[in-house]
C-alpha cells in the first residue's frame, strides 16, 4: 500500500502548506 501512504503524506503536506502559507500565495498557485 505504498501509493496510498504517499498520497496520505502529500495530502498532509498540502494541508500544512495551506495552513502556513498566506492565502494570497495559495491563490497564485
C-alpha atoms as a PDB file:
ATOM      1  CA  UNK A   1       0.000   0.000   0.000  1.00  0.00           C
ATOM      2  CA  UNK A   2       2.851   2.403  -0.777  1.00  0.00           C
ATOM      3  CA  UNK A   3       0.831   4.631  -3.171  1.00  0.00           C
ATOM      4  CA  UNK A   4      -1.854   5.168  -0.524  1.00  0.00           C
ATOM      5  CA  UNK A   5       0.693   6.172   2.095  1.00  0.00           C
ATOM      6  CA  UNK A   6       2.409   8.532  -0.340  1.00  0.00           C
ATOM      7  CA  UNK A   7      -0.926  10.128  -1.190  1.00  0.00           C
ATOM      8  CA  UNK A   8      -1.710  10.490   2.514  1.00  0.00           C
ATOM      9  CA  UNK A   9       1.613  12.223   3.130  1.00  0.00           C
ATOM     10  CA  UNK A  10       1.088  14.573   0.176  1.00  0.00           C
ATOM     11  CA  UNK A  11      -2.381  15.493   1.481  1.00  0.00           C
ATOM     12  CA  UNK A  12      -0.955  16.230   4.933  1.00  0.00           C
ATOM     13  CA  UNK A  13       1.851  18.267   3.338  1.00  0.00           C
ATOM     14  CA  UNK A  14      -0.667  20.198   1.249  1.00  0.00           C
ATOM     15  CA  UNK A  15      -2.741  20.967   4.321  1.00  0.00           C
ATOM     16  CA  UNK A  16       0.390  22.090   6.129  1.00  0.00           C
ATOM     17  CA  UNK A  17       1.291  24.458   3.298  1.00  0.00           C
ATOM     18  CA  UNK A  18      -2.240  25.884   3.231  1.00  0.00           C
ATOM     19  CA  UNK A  19      -2.069  26.456   6.990  1.00  0.00           C
ATOM     20  CA  UNK A  20       1.343  28.121   6.910  1.00  0.00           C
ATOM     21  CA  UNK A  21       1.248  29.994   3.603  1.00  0.00           C
ATOM     22  CA  UNK A  22      -0.679  33.253   3.167  1.00  0.00           C
ATOM     23  CA  UNK A  23      -3.955  32.937   1.267  1.00  0.00           C
ATOM     24  CA  UNK A  24      -2.635  35.198  -1.484  1.00  0.00           C
ATOM     25  CA  UNK A  25       0.153  32.765  -2.303  1.00  0.00           C
ATOM     26  CA  UNK A  26      -2.245  29.844  -2.375  1.00  0.00           C
ATOM     27  CA  UNK A  27      -4.486  31.654  -4.860  1.00  0.00           C
ATOM     28  CA  UNK A  28      -1.458  32.297  -7.085  1.00  0.00           C
ATOM     29  CA  UNK A  29      -0.556  28.600  -7.287  1.00  0.00           C
END
